[in-house]
Structure formats: C-alpha cells, structure tokens
Amino acid sequence: MVDVTPEEFEELVADALDEVPPDLLDLLDNVVFLVEDEAPADDPDLLGLYEGIPQTERDAGWGLANLPDTIRLFRGPLTRMCEDREDLREEVVITVVHEIAHHFGIDEQALHDLGWG
C-alpha cells in the first residue's frame, strides 16, 4: 500500500493526464475527471469507472446540452494495490488511459487484447 494524501493523489492524476498525447485529449468530448476515495460497494476493487455514452454510440442529436461523461478514479483501491509511489504513478496512468479508451468505445476485451486490461 502506498500512503499518499488526497492532494498528492490528485497530482498523480494530473500528471497522468499530462502523459496523454494532447491530440488525444483534444478528442475528448464533454468529459469530466473525478477522484473519489473508494469504489462502489458492489465492486470495491474497481480502479476507475467511465460513465457516459461512448463516442461510437452517440447519434446526431447528442450535444453539449447532455450532462458530461464522467471518468472516476478510486484512490483507495489504487493505493492499496501498489507497492510504492512509482508503481502507483504507473497504475494511475494505465487506469486513466483505460477509462479514456471506454469514452472512445473501446470495450474491455479489446483493451485486454491491447495490453491495457
């Protein structure tokens, strides 16, 4: 387990977002990133969660009037699974990329096949 403050964890998330290529970030459409202490009770080991309508499923009527999609990162499960700060940094990057991929309509199987699962 890695002991980091909520502020330090949010810095790790910001750093992870900085590692995402700017061209890819520019393609994100109406997405908000949130950090929460714990995952939902029904899946306590969940590291991240994408909630929204993937771009591949949006129709012509979808627009900015819709609520933003949400990518949640769960500090508790991430810090508990990692042995040190570098391991945590890498896992946060993987989780951010994983959840962004869901926004673009990439499913779990494809992510596993690509080594991001």
C-alpha atoms as a PDB file:
ATOM      1  CA  MET A   1       0.000   0.000   0.000  1.00  0.00           C
ATOM      2  CA  VAL A   2       1.161   3.493  -0.828  1.00  0.00           C
ATOM      3  CA  ASP A   3       0.369   6.257   1.641  1.00  0.00           C
ATOM      4  CA  VAL A   4      -0.447   9.480  -0.243  1.00  0.00           C
ATOM      5  CA  THR A   5      -2.644  12.379   0.702  1.00  0.00           C
ATOM      6  CA  PRO A   6      -5.718  13.148  -1.407  1.00  0.00           C
ATOM      7  CA  GLU A   7      -3.846  16.161  -2.793  1.00  0.00           C
ATOM      8  CA  GLU A   8      -0.822  14.050  -3.754  1.00  0.00           C
ATOM      9  CA  PHE A   9      -3.105  11.546  -5.468  1.00  0.00           C
ATOM     10  CA  GLU A  10      -4.818  14.294  -7.447  1.00  0.00           C
ATOM     11  CA  GLU A  11      -1.354  15.462  -8.549  1.00  0.00           C
ATOM     12  CA  LEU A  12      -0.644  11.929  -9.786  1.00  0.00           C
ATOM     13  CA  VAL A  13      -3.884  12.022 -11.781  1.00  0.00           C
ATOM     14  CA  ALA A  14      -2.975  15.424 -13.248  1.00  0.00           C
ATOM     15  CA  ASP A  15       0.472  14.065 -14.150  1.00  0.00           C
ATOM     16  CA  ALA A  16      -1.164  11.039 -15.794  1.00  0.00           C
ATOM     17  CA  LEU A  17      -3.367  13.327 -17.876  1.00  0.00           C
ATOM     18  CA  ASP A  18      -0.244  15.261 -18.897  1.00  0.00           C
ATOM     19  CA  GLU A  19       1.146  11.996 -20.302  1.00  0.00           C
ATOM     20  CA  VAL A  20      -1.858  11.518 -22.601  1.00  0.00           C
ATOM     21  CA  PRO A  21      -1.000  12.901 -26.043  1.00  0.00           C
ATOM     22  CA  PRO A  22      -2.575  16.359 -26.489  1.00  0.00           C
ATOM     23  CA  ASP A  23      -4.152  15.311 -29.801  1.00  0.00           C
ATOM     24  CA  LEU A  24      -6.000  12.527 -27.970  1.00  0.00           C
ATOM     25  CA  LEU A  25      -7.102  14.815 -25.136  1.00  0.00           C
ATOM     26  CA  ASP A  26      -8.451  17.255 -27.728  1.00  0.00           C
ATOM     27  CA  LEU A  27     -10.755  14.492 -28.972  1.00  0.00           C
ATOM     28  CA  LEU A  28     -12.375  14.042 -25.569  1.00  0.00           C
ATOM     29  CA  ASP A  29     -15.862  15.426 -25.827  1.00  0.00           C
ATOM     30  CA  ASN A  30     -17.677  16.715 -22.729  1.00  0.00           C
ATOM     31  CA  VAL A  31     -15.791  14.606 -20.147  1.00  0.00           C
ATOM     32  CA  VAL A  32     -15.059  15.394 -16.521  1.00  0.00           C
ATOM     33  CA  PHE A  33     -12.430  13.569 -14.414  1.00  0.00           C
ATOM     34  CA  LEU A  34     -13.182  12.982 -10.737  1.00  0.00           C
ATOM     35  CA  VAL A  35     -11.207  11.407  -7.913  1.00  0.00           C
ATOM     36  CA  GLU A  36     -13.105   9.535  -5.225  1.00  0.00           C
ATOM     37  CA  ASP A  37     -11.790   7.839  -2.112  1.00  0.00           C
ATOM     38  CA  GLU A  38     -13.423   4.463  -2.661  1.00  0.00           C
ATOM     39  CA  ALA A  39     -15.045   2.428  -5.410  1.00  0.00           C
ATOM     40  CA  PRO A  40     -18.739   1.485  -5.239  1.00  0.00           C
ATOM     41  CA  ALA A  41     -19.556  -1.091  -2.563  1.00  0.00           C
ATOM     42  CA  ASP A  42     -20.619  -3.642  -5.186  1.00  0.00           C
ATOM     43  CA  ASP A  43     -17.122  -3.570  -6.772  1.00  0.00           C
ATOM     44  CA  PRO A  44     -14.675  -2.426  -4.056  1.00  0.00           C
ATOM     45  CA  ASP A  45     -11.549  -3.300  -6.086  1.00  0.00           C
ATOM     46  CA  LEU A  46     -12.548  -1.159  -9.077  1.00  0.00           C
ATOM     47  CA  LEU A  47      -9.741   1.234 -10.021  1.00  0.00           C
ATOM     48  CA  GLY A  48     -11.634   3.514 -12.388  1.00  0.00           C
ATOM     49  CA  LEU A  49     -15.030   3.905 -13.978  1.00  0.00           C
ATOM     50  CA  TYR A  50     -16.279   5.505 -17.184  1.00  0.00           C
ATOM     51  CA  GLU A  51     -19.900   6.656 -17.045  1.00  0.00           C
ATOM     52  CA  GLY A  52     -21.442   8.086 -20.164  1.00  0.00           C
ATOM     53  CA  ILE A  53     -22.206   7.473 -23.794  1.00  0.00           C
ATOM     54  CA  PRO A  54     -19.152   6.349 -25.784  1.00  0.00           C
ATOM     55  CA  GLN A  55     -18.486   8.420 -28.872  1.00  0.00           C
ATOM     56  CA  THR A  56     -19.185   5.359 -31.035  1.00  0.00           C
ATOM     57  CA  GLU A  57     -22.760   5.225 -29.703  1.00  0.00           C
ATOM     58  CA  ARG A  58     -23.686   8.902 -29.975  1.00  0.00           C
ATOM     59  CA  ASP A  59     -26.211   9.933 -32.572  1.00  0.00           C
ATOM     60  CA  ALA A  60     -26.747  13.217 -34.397  1.00  0.00           C
ATOM     61  CA  GLY A  61     -28.937  14.510 -31.539  1.00  0.00           C
ATOM     62  CA  TRP A  62     -26.195  14.209 -28.935  1.00  0.00           C
ATOM     63  CA  GLY A  63     -24.680  17.520 -27.950  1.00  0.00           C
ATOM     64  CA  LEU A  64     -23.238  19.695 -25.219  1.00  0.00           C
ATOM     65  CA  ALA A  65     -26.705  20.018 -23.709  1.00  0.00           C
ATOM     66  CA  ASN A  66     -26.133  16.491 -22.377  1.00  0.00           C
ATOM     67  CA  LEU A  67     -24.520  16.030 -18.987  1.00  0.00           C
ATOM     68  CA  PRO A  68     -20.802  15.389 -19.269  1.00  0.00           C
ATOM     69  CA  ASP A  69     -19.426  11.878 -19.320  1.00  0.00           C
ATOM     70  CA  THR A  70     -17.559  11.088 -16.129  1.00  0.00           C
ATOM     71  CA  ILE A  71     -14.295   9.273 -15.552  1.00  0.00           C
ATOM     72  CA  ARG A  72     -13.827   8.387 -11.893  1.00  0.00           C
ATOM     73  CA  LEU A  73     -10.558   7.234 -10.358  1.00  0.00           C
ATOM     74  CA  PHE A  74     -10.692   5.498  -6.996  1.00  0.00           C
ATOM     75  CA  ARG A  75      -7.811   6.391  -4.694  1.00  0.00           C
ATOM     76  CA  GLY A  76      -8.329   3.612  -2.120  1.00  0.00           C
ATOM     77  CA  PRO A  77      -8.131   0.600  -4.439  1.00  0.00           C
ATOM     78  CA  LEU A  78      -5.280   2.131  -6.453  1.00  0.00           C
ATOM     79  CA  THR A  79      -3.133   2.919  -3.412  1.00  0.00           C
ATOM     80  CA  ARG A  80      -3.839  -0.477  -1.813  1.00  0.00           C
ATOM     81  CA  MET A  81      -2.751  -2.461  -4.887  1.00  0.00           C
ATOM     82  CA  CYS A  82       0.560  -0.636  -5.351  1.00  0.00           C
ATOM     83  CA  GLU A  83       3.816  -1.229  -3.504  1.00  0.00           C
ATOM     84  CA  ASP A  84       5.464   2.150  -3.997  1.00  0.00           C
ATOM     85  CA  ARG A  85       4.875   5.609  -5.442  1.00  0.00           C
ATOM     86  CA  GLU A  86       6.316   4.733  -8.881  1.00  0.00           C
ATOM     87  CA  ASP A  87       4.056   1.675  -9.102  1.00  0.00           C
ATOM     88  CA  LEU A  88       1.106   3.908  -8.163  1.00  0.00           C
ATOM     89  CA  ARG A  89       2.065   6.502 -10.775  1.00  0.00           C
ATOM     90  CA  GLU A  90       2.176   3.809 -13.476  1.00  0.00           C
ATOM     91  CA  GLU A  91      -1.134   2.299 -12.387  1.00  0.00           C
ATOM     92  CA  VAL A  92      -2.840   5.708 -12.412  1.00  0.00           C
ATOM     93  CA  VAL A  93      -1.606   6.273 -15.984  1.00  0.00           C
ATOM     94  CA  ILE A  94      -2.897   2.846 -17.034  1.00  0.00           C
ATOM     95  CA  THR A  95      -6.256   3.494 -15.396  1.00  0.00           C
ATOM     96  CA  VAL A  96      -6.619   6.935 -16.996  1.00  0.00           C
ATOM     97  CA  VAL A  97      -5.832   5.536 -20.454  1.00  0.00           C
ATOM     98  CA  HIS A  98      -8.168   2.581 -19.845  1.00  0.00           C
ATOM     99  CA  GLU A  99     -11.114   4.812 -18.950  1.00  0.00           C
ATOM    100  CA  ILE A 100     -10.420   7.265 -21.799  1.00  0.00           C
ATOM    101  CA  ALA A 101     -10.499   4.271 -24.153  1.00  0.00           C
ATOM    102  CA  HIS A 102     -14.025   3.476 -22.940  1.00  0.00           C
ATOM    103  CA  HIS A 103     -15.046   7.026 -23.880  1.00  0.00           C
ATOM    104  CA  PHE A 104     -13.949   6.206 -27.427  1.00  0.00           C
ATOM    105  CA  GLY A 105     -15.968   2.974 -27.426  1.00  0.00           C
ATOM    106  CA  ILE A 106     -13.151   0.505 -26.837  1.00  0.00           C
ATOM    107  CA  ASP A 107     -14.512  -2.407 -24.801  1.00  0.00           C
ATOM    108  CA  GLU A 108     -12.825  -4.489 -22.088  1.00  0.00           C
ATOM    109  CA  GLN A 109     -11.863  -7.342 -24.424  1.00  0.00           C
ATOM    110  CA  ALA A 110     -10.151  -5.014 -26.885  1.00  0.00           C
ATOM    111  CA  LEU A 111      -8.300  -3.310 -24.023  1.00  0.00           C
ATOM    112  CA  HIS A 112      -7.115  -6.676 -22.718  1.00  0.00           C
ATOM    113  CA  ASP A 113      -6.021  -7.677 -26.216  1.00  0.00           C
ATOM    114  CA  LEU A 114      -4.019  -4.417 -26.452  1.00  0.00           C
ATOM    115  CA  GLY A 115      -2.408  -4.988 -23.034  1.00  0.00           C
ATOM    116  CA  TRP A 116      -4.370  -2.235 -21.232  1.00  0.00           C
ATOM    117  CA  GLY A 117      -6.772  -4.502 -19.353  1.00  0.00           C
END
